């Protein structure tokens, strides 16, 4: 049993004083973010304590059905976040459907890969391992998909004349949209590339830090963190590629026409 330092509610209250200091600074400088900060802080507290209660119950049950239901709920909420981050993206139903389906496929495959080949808990669906792994992969995959779709739709609007000119000259929709597709995928994958490059030298990631604070040997924590980073990179790439290519086909039709009318109205 690893040894760790327990935190009391008083300790949390002391750390929350920093939020009060930020709110005070906002009032002094008239930044007008104190209300948003207070609401965000309150949401953070309520959501994390609620998650803690749910996870405690799930850890006791160790049921594949309840674990799967919790995983599905996480994916559905993440899909809503992807939709909310789109500025003049696809119409709501399509924006939600593309992001959620791409994330469901990518995060599920990568998480199952990790559970069945590397971590191998007993049983394999043990929520103590499955849900934290899925959560870390989801968070980063969600960001990649949102950035990729945003860049795709934005590029199609900005470069409409050039795309339609190529289509009129006989180019296929994939050929005409190829530069924008590449830009969208580059934008989607840049955060994870930066994270891979900076991890360890610039920052100690959350999982590694948490394990070290919980008493795990540093080198063991390093191995877990490397595994997570590689899983995140794979999940983000798979999800972004899927979402961007589905988005490409939604932005065009079988007659090789650009269909910006399928985007949300201003």
Protein backbone atom coordinates (compact mmCIF):
# COMPACT_ATOMS: atom_id res chain seq x y z
CA UNK A 1 0.00 0.00 0.00
CA UNK A 2 1.54 3.29 -1.11
CA UNK A 3 1.73 6.15 1.36
CA UNK A 4 0.33 9.56 0.47
CA UNK A 5 -0.51 12.82 2.20
CA UNK A 6 -4.24 13.21 2.80
CA UNK A 7 -5.86 16.57 2.16
CA UNK A 8 -8.45 18.00 4.53
CA UNK A 9 -11.28 20.32 3.54
CA UNK A 10 -9.39 23.13 5.28
CA UNK A 11 -6.52 22.56 2.83
CA UNK A 12 -8.91 22.94 -0.09
CA UNK A 13 -10.26 26.13 1.45
CA UNK A 14 -6.75 27.57 1.71
CA UNK A 15 -6.05 26.84 -1.96
CA UNK A 16 -9.42 28.38 -2.89
CA UNK A 17 -8.15 31.68 -1.45
CA UNK A 18 -6.16 32.02 -4.65
CA UNK A 19 -9.43 32.21 -6.60
CA UNK A 20 -10.63 34.94 -4.26
CA UNK A 21 -7.39 36.80 -4.92
CA UNK A 22 -7.97 36.55 -8.68
CA UNK A 23 -11.54 37.82 -8.22
CA UNK A 24 -10.22 40.73 -6.17
CA UNK A 25 -7.71 41.55 -8.90
CA UNK A 26 -10.52 41.45 -11.45
CA UNK A 27 -12.52 43.96 -9.40
CA UNK A 28 -9.52 46.23 -8.91
CA UNK A 29 -8.64 46.25 -12.62
CA UNK A 30 -12.28 46.20 -13.77
CA UNK A 31 -11.75 43.05 -15.83
CA UNK A 32 -15.35 41.97 -15.17
CA UNK A 33 -14.49 38.28 -14.98
CA UNK A 34 -15.20 37.78 -11.29
CA UNK A 35 -18.73 36.48 -11.90
CA UNK A 36 -17.55 34.03 -14.57
CA UNK A 37 -14.69 32.97 -12.30
CA UNK A 38 -17.03 32.35 -9.37
CA UNK A 39 -19.44 30.31 -11.48
CA UNK A 40 -16.61 28.31 -13.06
CA UNK A 41 -15.09 27.60 -9.66
CA UNK A 42 -18.45 26.50 -8.25
CA UNK A 43 -19.07 24.24 -11.25
CA UNK A 44 -15.62 22.74 -10.85
CA UNK A 45 -16.25 21.90 -7.19
CA UNK A 46 -19.71 20.43 -7.76
CA UNK A 47 -18.71 18.44 -10.84
CA UNK A 48 -15.59 16.94 -9.29
CA UNK A 49 -17.33 15.96 -6.05
CA UNK A 50 -20.18 14.43 -8.07
CA UNK A 51 -17.68 12.50 -10.19
CA UNK A 52 -15.94 11.36 -7.01
CA UNK A 53 -19.19 9.97 -5.61
CA UNK A 54 -20.07 8.23 -8.90
CA UNK A 55 -16.60 6.70 -9.28
CA UNK A 56 -16.65 5.45 -5.69
CA UNK A 57 -19.88 3.57 -6.42
CA UNK A 58 -18.63 2.28 -9.79
CA UNK A 59 -15.42 1.00 -8.19
CA UNK A 60 -17.52 -1.00 -5.75
CA UNK A 61 -19.79 -2.46 -8.44
CA UNK A 62 -17.16 -3.35 -11.08
CA UNK A 63 -19.90 -3.98 -13.65
CA UNK A 64 -19.29 -3.89 -17.43
CA UNK A 65 -22.76 -2.39 -17.94
CA UNK A 66 -22.31 0.47 -15.50
CA UNK A 67 -18.77 1.10 -16.70
CA UNK A 68 -20.00 1.19 -20.30
CA UNK A 69 -22.86 3.53 -19.38
CA UNK A 70 -20.48 5.92 -17.63
CA UNK A 71 -18.12 5.82 -20.62
CA UNK A 72 -20.99 6.56 -23.00
CA UNK A 73 -22.09 9.52 -20.87
CA UNK A 74 -18.54 10.92 -20.95
CA UNK A 75 -18.42 10.61 -24.74
CA UNK A 76 -21.84 12.25 -25.21
CA UNK A 77 -20.88 15.21 -23.01
CA UNK A 78 -17.58 15.55 -24.87
CA UNK A 79 -19.49 15.59 -28.17
CA UNK A 80 -21.54 18.49 -26.89
CA UNK A 81 -18.33 20.38 -26.08
CA UNK A 82 -17.07 19.84 -29.64
CA UNK A 83 -20.32 21.25 -31.03
CA UNK A 84 -20.18 24.25 -28.68
CA UNK A 85 -16.64 25.14 -29.81
CA UNK A 86 -17.59 25.48 -33.48
CA UNK A 87 -17.98 29.01 -34.85
CA UNK A 88 -20.22 28.78 -37.90
CA UNK A 89 -19.48 25.09 -38.21
CA UNK A 90 -21.89 22.46 -39.40
CA UNK A 91 -25.55 22.62 -38.51
CA UNK A 92 -26.15 21.47 -34.93
CA UNK A 93 -27.22 17.90 -35.56
CA UNK A 94 -24.34 17.28 -37.96
CA UNK A 95 -21.82 19.11 -35.79
CA UNK A 96 -22.78 16.92 -32.84
CA UNK A 97 -22.98 13.74 -34.90
CA UNK A 98 -19.63 14.09 -36.66
CA UNK A 99 -17.70 15.02 -33.53
CA UNK A 100 -19.33 12.45 -31.28
CA UNK A 101 -19.09 9.52 -33.70
CA UNK A 102 -15.43 10.25 -34.50
CA UNK A 103 -14.61 10.51 -30.81
CA UNK A 104 -16.62 7.38 -29.93
CA UNK A 105 -14.71 5.35 -32.49
CA UNK A 106 -11.23 6.73 -31.73
CA UNK A 107 -11.38 6.86 -27.93
CA UNK A 108 -13.09 3.48 -27.61
CA UNK A 109 -10.60 1.69 -29.86
CA UNK A 110 -7.55 3.23 -28.20
CA UNK A 111 -8.85 2.64 -24.67
CA UNK A 112 -9.72 -1.01 -25.41
CA UNK A 113 -6.28 -1.43 -26.97
CA UNK A 114 -4.63 -0.17 -23.78
CA UNK A 115 -6.83 -2.23 -21.45
CA UNK A 116 -6.36 -5.50 -23.31
CA UNK A 117 -2.68 -5.30 -24.29
CA UNK A 118 -0.76 -3.05 -21.87
CA UNK A 119 -2.57 -2.40 -18.59
CA UNK A 120 -4.51 -5.70 -18.55
CA UNK A 121 -6.56 -5.24 -15.35
CA UNK A 122 -8.66 -8.11 -14.04
CA UNK A 123 -11.39 -7.85 -15.18
CA UNK A 124 -10.46 -5.83 -18.27
CA UNK A 125 -13.44 -3.45 -17.79
CA UNK A 126 -12.45 -2.52 -14.24
CA UNK A 127 -13.66 1.12 -13.96
CA UNK A 128 -10.66 2.04 -11.78
CA UNK A 129 -8.53 1.73 -14.92
CA UNK A 130 -10.99 2.04 -17.82
CA UNK A 131 -12.63 5.35 -16.94
CA UNK A 132 -9.48 7.38 -16.08
CA UNK A 133 -7.79 6.13 -19.25
CA UNK A 134 -10.84 7.00 -21.34
CA UNK A 135 -11.11 10.41 -19.69
CA UNK A 136 -7.54 11.39 -20.49
CA UNK A 137 -7.84 10.20 -24.08
CA UNK A 138 -11.23 11.88 -24.52
CA UNK A 139 -10.08 15.27 -23.29
CA UNK A 140 -7.29 15.54 -25.83
CA UNK A 141 -9.17 13.85 -28.68
CA UNK A 142 -12.04 16.28 -28.15
CA UNK A 143 -9.70 19.26 -28.54
CA UNK A 144 -8.11 17.84 -31.69
CA UNK A 145 -11.46 17.11 -33.35
CA UNK A 146 -12.86 20.54 -32.46
CA UNK A 147 -9.80 22.33 -33.86
CA UNK A 148 -9.78 20.21 -37.01
CA UNK A 149 -13.46 20.77 -37.81
CA UNK A 150 -13.21 24.47 -37.06
CA UNK A 151 -10.24 24.89 -39.41
CA UNK A 152 -11.95 22.83 -42.12
CA UNK A 153 -15.16 24.85 -42.19
CA UNK A 154 -13.35 28.15 -41.79
CA UNK A 155 -10.96 27.32 -44.64
CA UNK A 156 -13.82 26.26 -46.92
CA UNK A 157 -15.54 29.61 -46.41
CA UNK A 158 -12.39 31.66 -46.85
CA UNK A 159 -11.16 29.78 -49.93
CA UNK A 160 -14.55 29.25 -51.55
CA UNK A 161 -13.63 30.92 -54.85
CA UNK A 162 -10.44 28.86 -55.29
CA UNK A 163 -12.16 25.58 -54.44
CA UNK A 164 -15.05 26.19 -56.82
CA UNK A 165 -12.65 27.21 -59.59
CA UNK A 166 -10.81 23.89 -59.24
CA UNK A 167 -14.07 21.98 -59.22
CA UNK A 168 -15.19 23.76 -62.39
CA UNK A 169 -11.91 22.76 -64.05
CA UNK A 170 -12.64 19.10 -63.34
CA UNK A 171 -10.88 18.49 -60.03
CA UNK A 172 -12.48 15.98 -57.67
CA UNK A 173 -13.76 17.19 -54.34
CA UNK A 174 -10.89 15.49 -52.51
CA UNK A 175 -8.30 17.14 -54.78
CA UNK A 176 -9.91 20.57 -54.52
CA UNK A 177 -10.17 20.34 -50.72
CA UNK A 178 -6.76 18.74 -50.16
CA UNK A 179 -4.91 21.92 -49.02
CA UNK A 180 -7.66 22.75 -46.52
CA UNK A 181 -7.77 19.14 -45.33
CA UNK A 182 -4.04 19.22 -44.66
CA UNK A 183 -4.34 22.52 -42.79
CA UNK A 184 -7.21 21.15 -40.68
CA UNK A 185 -5.29 18.02 -39.71
CA UNK A 186 -2.12 20.00 -38.94
CA UNK A 187 -4.12 22.33 -36.69
CA UNK A 188 -5.81 19.38 -34.96
CA UNK A 189 -2.55 17.56 -34.23
CA UNK A 190 -0.36 20.52 -33.26
CA UNK A 191 -1.42 20.58 -29.56
CA UNK A 192 -0.45 16.94 -28.97
CA UNK A 193 2.80 17.42 -30.90
CA UNK A 194 3.63 20.40 -28.67
CA UNK A 195 2.66 18.41 -25.58
CA UNK A 196 4.92 15.51 -26.58
CA UNK A 197 7.82 17.90 -27.17
CA UNK A 198 7.38 19.80 -23.88
CA UNK A 199 6.53 16.93 -21.53
CA UNK A 200 9.22 16.39 -18.90
CA UNK A 201 11.43 19.29 -19.89
CA UNK A 202 8.88 22.09 -19.52
CA UNK A 203 6.07 20.45 -17.56
CA UNK A 204 5.32 17.40 -15.43
CA UNK A 205 1.97 16.02 -16.66
CA UNK A 206 -0.95 15.58 -14.30
CA UNK A 207 -1.01 11.80 -14.24
CA UNK A 208 2.71 11.50 -13.51
CA UNK A 209 2.52 14.19 -10.82
CA UNK A 210 -0.49 12.52 -9.21
CA UNK A 211 1.21 9.15 -9.11
CA UNK A 212 4.37 10.60 -7.58
CA UNK A 213 2.32 12.43 -4.92
CA UNK A 214 0.52 9.14 -4.22
CA UNK A 215 3.84 7.42 -3.52
CA UNK A 216 4.60 5.67 -6.83
CA UNK A 217 8.27 5.42 -7.79
CA UNK A 218 9.21 8.19 -10.29
CA UNK A 219 10.41 5.78 -13.01
CA UNK A 220 7.19 3.78 -12.77
CA UNK A 221 5.20 7.01 -13.06
CA UNK A 222 7.29 7.94 -16.11
CA UNK A 223 6.40 4.67 -17.84
CA UNK A 224 2.70 5.20 -17.23
CA UNK A 225 2.89 8.78 -18.47
CA UNK A 226 4.69 7.76 -21.66
CA UNK A 227 2.02 5.15 -22.33
CA UNK A 228 -0.71 7.73 -21.83
CA UNK A 229 0.97 10.28 -24.12
CA UNK A 230 1.30 7.70 -26.90
CA UNK A 231 -2.33 6.63 -26.46
CA UNK A 232 -3.47 10.25 -26.57
CA UNK A 233 -1.47 10.86 -29.75
CA UNK A 234 -3.03 7.81 -31.39
CA UNK A 235 -6.56 8.66 -30.28
CA UNK A 236 -6.29 12.31 -31.33
CA UNK A 237 -4.93 11.39 -34.76
CA UNK A 238 -7.57 8.71 -35.38
CA UNK A 239 -10.41 10.96 -34.22
CA UNK A 240 -9.23 14.05 -36.10
CA UNK A 241 -8.66 12.19 -39.37
CA UNK A 242 -12.10 10.58 -39.15
CA UNK A 243 -13.90 13.83 -38.30
CA UNK A 244 -12.11 15.92 -40.93
CA UNK A 245 -12.73 13.44 -43.75
CA UNK A 246 -16.39 13.01 -42.79
CA UNK A 247 -16.60 16.80 -42.65
CA UNK A 248 -15.00 17.05 -46.11
CA UNK A 249 -17.67 14.80 -47.60
CA UNK A 250 -20.39 16.73 -45.80
CA UNK A 251 -19.05 20.01 -47.26
CA UNK A 252 -19.29 18.58 -50.79
CA UNK A 253 -21.67 16.26 -52.60
CA UNK A 254 -21.50 13.36 -55.04
CA UNK A 255 -21.54 15.79 -57.98
CA UNK A 256 -18.32 17.44 -56.73
CA UNK A 257 -19.98 20.68 -55.65
CA UNK A 258 -19.06 22.78 -52.62
CA UNK A 259 -22.00 22.87 -50.21
CA UNK A 260 -21.50 25.76 -47.81
CA UNK A 261 -25.28 25.83 -47.36
CA UNK A 262 -24.75 22.88 -45.03
CA UNK A 263 -22.97 25.11 -42.53
CA UNK A 264 -24.79 26.86 -39.70
CA UNK A 265 -26.20 30.28 -40.50
CA UNK A 266 -24.47 33.36 -39.10
